[in-house]
């Protein structure tokens, strides 16, 4: 059974940093795209970043480029999202999700959200101004 456990969220002041973790179990990191998504109150869920465990390619939403960094530790089956210079508009529940096929994650996008079929429970990130 695939399980994803997101953690690391919290309350931080604008300009601060957080590191989110997505611990995966039930599969091995051979050829997947692992994405981070977020959903703010009243807004649709949006893709923030992804990493291909096979190709190593990464993607970042324009608004987080230069501030967020995604990485993976394949030995630990864990993906991280380092978030620096946080802004109030980054406030949301952050989710990690996977899709079979690392080719879904390219520097230009992370593929359609509906294709991601396994999701973690979400972790709240709140950035105060």
C-alpha atoms as a PDB file:
ATOM      1  CA  UNK A   1       0.000   0.000   0.000  1.00  0.00           C
ATOM      2  CA  UNK A   2       1.395   3.368  -1.021  1.00  0.00           C
ATOM      3  CA  UNK A   3       1.515   5.877   1.805  1.00  0.00           C
ATOM      4  CA  UNK A   4       2.782   9.449   1.791  1.00  0.00           C
ATOM      5  CA  UNK A   5       3.386  11.378   4.991  1.00  0.00           C
ATOM      6  CA  UNK A   6       3.876  15.106   4.666  1.00  0.00           C
ATOM      7  CA  UNK A   7       5.333  17.053   7.557  1.00  0.00           C
ATOM      8  CA  UNK A   8       7.281  20.173   8.421  1.00  0.00           C
ATOM      9  CA  UNK A   9       4.630  22.831   8.138  1.00  0.00           C
ATOM     10  CA  UNK A  10       4.110  25.525  10.707  1.00  0.00           C
ATOM     11  CA  UNK A  11       3.752  29.205  11.425  1.00  0.00           C
ATOM     12  CA  UNK A  12       6.552  31.466  10.267  1.00  0.00           C
ATOM     13  CA  UNK A  13       7.035  35.165   9.722  1.00  0.00           C
ATOM     14  CA  UNK A  14       7.460  36.580   6.251  1.00  0.00           C
ATOM     15  CA  UNK A  15      11.020  36.084   5.107  1.00  0.00           C
ATOM     16  CA  UNK A  16      11.412  32.933   7.148  1.00  0.00           C
ATOM     17  CA  UNK A  17      12.059  29.371   6.073  1.00  0.00           C
ATOM     18  CA  UNK A  18      10.515  25.942   6.435  1.00  0.00           C
ATOM     19  CA  UNK A  19      11.472  22.530   5.135  1.00  0.00           C
ATOM     20  CA  UNK A  20       8.688  20.167   4.219  1.00  0.00           C
ATOM     21  CA  UNK A  21       9.253  16.436   4.081  1.00  0.00           C
ATOM     22  CA  UNK A  22       7.304  13.797   2.218  1.00  0.00           C
ATOM     23  CA  UNK A  23       8.098  10.322   3.503  1.00  0.00           C
ATOM     24  CA  UNK A  24       6.915   7.579   1.193  1.00  0.00           C
ATOM     25  CA  UNK A  25       6.354   3.909   1.819  1.00  0.00           C
ATOM     26  CA  UNK A  26       4.915   1.010  -0.114  1.00  0.00           C
ATOM     27  CA  UNK A  27       6.984   1.606  -3.227  1.00  0.00           C
ATOM     28  CA  UNK A  28      10.539   2.318  -4.244  1.00  0.00           C
ATOM     29  CA  UNK A  29      11.795   5.514  -5.810  1.00  0.00           C
ATOM     30  CA  UNK A  30      12.575   4.051  -9.208  1.00  0.00           C
ATOM     31  CA  UNK A  31      10.549   5.957 -11.783  1.00  0.00           C
ATOM     32  CA  UNK A  32       8.099   8.404 -10.315  1.00  0.00           C
ATOM     33  CA  UNK A  33       7.306  12.054 -10.417  1.00  0.00           C
ATOM     34  CA  UNK A  34       6.756  13.372  -6.926  1.00  0.00           C
ATOM     35  CA  UNK A  35       5.011  16.676  -6.678  1.00  0.00           C
ATOM     36  CA  UNK A  36       4.273  19.274  -4.075  1.00  0.00           C
ATOM     37  CA  UNK A  37       0.916  20.988  -4.349  1.00  0.00           C
ATOM     38  CA  UNK A  38      -0.790  23.579  -2.230  1.00  0.00           C
ATOM     39  CA  UNK A  39      -4.299  24.763  -1.632  1.00  0.00           C
ATOM     40  CA  UNK A  40      -5.195  28.044  -0.013  1.00  0.00           C
ATOM     41  CA  UNK A  41      -8.688  28.694   1.390  1.00  0.00           C
ATOM     42  CA  UNK A  42     -11.156  29.349  -1.389  1.00  0.00           C
ATOM     43  CA  UNK A  43      -8.643  28.556  -4.111  1.00  0.00           C
ATOM     44  CA  UNK A  44      -7.973  25.592  -6.322  1.00  0.00           C
ATOM     45  CA  UNK A  45      -5.151  23.205  -5.608  1.00  0.00           C
ATOM     46  CA  UNK A  46      -2.072  24.168  -7.595  1.00  0.00           C
ATOM     47  CA  UNK A  47       1.205  22.526  -8.437  1.00  0.00           C
ATOM     48  CA  UNK A  48       4.223  24.090  -6.780  1.00  0.00           C
ATOM     49  CA  UNK A  49       7.149  21.836  -7.615  1.00  0.00           C
ATOM     50  CA  UNK A  50       8.063  18.334  -8.667  1.00  0.00           C
ATOM     51  CA  UNK A  51      11.034  16.060  -9.029  1.00  0.00           C
ATOM     52  CA  UNK A  52      11.570  13.024 -11.212  1.00  0.00           C
ATOM     53  CA  UNK A  53      13.151  10.211  -9.233  1.00  0.00           C
ATOM     54  CA  UNK A  54      14.459   8.681 -12.447  1.00  0.00           C
ATOM     55  CA  UNK A  55      15.562  11.639 -14.556  1.00  0.00           C
ATOM     56  CA  UNK A  56      16.315  14.055 -11.726  1.00  0.00           C
ATOM     57  CA  UNK A  57      14.452  16.839 -13.497  1.00  0.00           C
ATOM     58  CA  UNK A  58      12.680  19.440 -11.436  1.00  0.00           C
ATOM     59  CA  UNK A  59       9.946  21.987 -11.916  1.00  0.00           C
ATOM     60  CA  UNK A  60       8.984  25.117  -9.989  1.00  0.00           C
ATOM     61  CA  UNK A  61       5.963  27.317 -10.255  1.00  0.00           C
ATOM     62  CA  UNK A  62       7.069  30.773 -11.344  1.00  0.00           C
ATOM     63  CA  UNK A  63       6.101  32.418  -8.081  1.00  0.00           C
ATOM     64  CA  UNK A  64       8.410  30.148  -6.061  1.00  0.00           C
ATOM     65  CA  UNK A  65      11.419  30.015  -8.373  1.00  0.00           C
ATOM     66  CA  UNK A  66      14.569  31.085  -6.581  1.00  0.00           C
ATOM     67  CA  UNK A  67      12.922  30.615  -3.186  1.00  0.00           C
ATOM     68  CA  UNK A  68      11.943  26.933  -3.053  1.00  0.00           C
ATOM     69  CA  UNK A  69      14.193  23.950  -3.674  1.00  0.00           C
ATOM     70  CA  UNK A  70      13.006  20.377  -4.109  1.00  0.00           C
ATOM     71  CA  UNK A  71      15.265  17.414  -3.460  1.00  0.00           C
ATOM     72  CA  UNK A  72      14.978  13.707  -2.905  1.00  0.00           C
ATOM     73  CA  UNK A  73      16.781  11.149  -0.815  1.00  0.00           C
ATOM     74  CA  UNK A  74      16.033   7.957  -2.676  1.00  0.00           C
ATOM     75  CA  UNK A  75      17.636   5.816   0.015  1.00  0.00           C
ATOM     76  CA  UNK A  76      15.177   7.227   2.548  1.00  0.00           C
ATOM     77  CA  UNK A  77      12.229   7.380   0.140  1.00  0.00           C
ATOM     78  CA  UNK A  78      11.805  11.001   1.141  1.00  0.00           C
ATOM     79  CA  UNK A  79      11.332  14.181  -0.842  1.00  0.00           C
ATOM     80  CA  UNK A  80      11.999  17.591   0.647  1.00  0.00           C
ATOM     81  CA  UNK A  81      10.812  21.061  -0.195  1.00  0.00           C
ATOM     82  CA  UNK A  82      13.050  23.750   1.233  1.00  0.00           C
ATOM     83  CA  UNK A  83      11.102  26.991   1.324  1.00  0.00           C
ATOM     84  CA  UNK A  84      13.012  30.215   1.888  1.00  0.00           C
ATOM     85  CA  UNK A  85      11.976  33.869   1.820  1.00  0.00           C
ATOM     86  CA  UNK A  86       8.420  32.857   2.550  1.00  0.00           C
ATOM     87  CA  UNK A  87       5.630  35.278   1.752  1.00  0.00           C
ATOM     88  CA  UNK A  88       2.097  35.544   3.139  1.00  0.00           C
ATOM     89  CA  UNK A  89       0.795  34.370  -0.240  1.00  0.00           C
ATOM     90  CA  UNK A  90       2.576  31.053   0.325  1.00  0.00           C
ATOM     91  CA  UNK A  91       0.082  30.301   3.099  1.00  0.00           C
ATOM     92  CA  UNK A  92      -1.739  27.085   2.232  1.00  0.00           C
ATOM     93  CA  UNK A  93      -2.039  23.419   3.003  1.00  0.00           C
ATOM     94  CA  UNK A  94       0.804  21.677   1.229  1.00  0.00           C
ATOM     95  CA  UNK A  95       0.407  18.167  -0.132  1.00  0.00           C
ATOM     96  CA  UNK A  96       2.783  15.729  -1.726  1.00  0.00           C
ATOM     97  CA  UNK A  97       1.633  13.285  -4.348  1.00  0.00           C
ATOM     98  CA  UNK A  98       3.109  10.789  -6.755  1.00  0.00           C
ATOM     99  CA  UNK A  99       2.553   9.673 -10.300  1.00  0.00           C
ATOM    100  CA  UNK A 100       4.150   6.665 -11.950  1.00  0.00           C
ATOM    101  CA  UNK A 101       6.441   7.901 -14.679  1.00  0.00           C
ATOM    102  CA  UNK A 102       9.223  10.325 -13.949  1.00  0.00           C
ATOM    103  CA  UNK A 103       8.759  11.853 -17.398  1.00  0.00           C
ATOM    104  CA  UNK A 104       5.737  13.747 -16.071  1.00  0.00           C
ATOM    105  CA  UNK A 105       8.070  16.099 -14.251  1.00  0.00           C
ATOM    106  CA  UNK A 106       9.971  18.407 -16.572  1.00  0.00           C
ATOM    107  CA  UNK A 107      11.333  21.915 -16.134  1.00  0.00           C
ATOM    108  CA  UNK A 108       8.140  23.102 -17.858  1.00  0.00           C
ATOM    109  CA  UNK A 109       5.504  21.393 -15.770  1.00  0.00           C
ATOM    110  CA  UNK A 110       4.436  18.570 -13.534  1.00  0.00           C
ATOM    111  CA  UNK A 111       1.684  17.029 -15.603  1.00  0.00           C
ATOM    112  CA  UNK A 112      -2.043  17.071 -14.943  1.00  0.00           C
ATOM    113  CA  UNK A 113      -3.045  17.060 -11.305  1.00  0.00           C
ATOM    114  CA  UNK A 114      -5.707  14.418 -11.905  1.00  0.00           C
ATOM    115  CA  UNK A 115      -3.003  11.929 -12.910  1.00  0.00           C
ATOM    116  CA  UNK A 116      -1.481  12.029  -9.427  1.00  0.00           C
ATOM    117  CA  UNK A 117      -3.238   9.119  -7.794  1.00  0.00           C
ATOM    118  CA  UNK A 118      -1.639   8.894  -4.358  1.00  0.00           C
ATOM    119  CA  UNK A 119      -1.683  11.826  -1.967  1.00  0.00           C
ATOM    120  CA  UNK A 120      -0.383  12.598   1.481  1.00  0.00           C
ATOM    121  CA  UNK A 121      -2.557  14.150   4.168  1.00  0.00           C
ATOM    122  CA  UNK A 122      -1.256  17.702   3.868  1.00  0.00           C
ATOM    123  CA  UNK A 123       0.670  19.988   6.167  1.00  0.00           C
ATOM    124  CA  UNK A 124      -0.349  23.552   6.983  1.00  0.00           C
ATOM    125  CA  UNK A 125       2.027  26.394   6.182  1.00  0.00           C
ATOM    126  CA  UNK A 126       1.096  29.797   7.546  1.00  0.00           C
ATOM    127  CA  UNK A 127       3.206  32.852   6.794  1.00  0.00           C
ATOM    128  CA  UNK A 128       2.439  35.950   8.813  1.00  0.00           C
ATOM    129  CA  UNK A 129       3.169  39.437   7.536  1.00  0.00           C
END
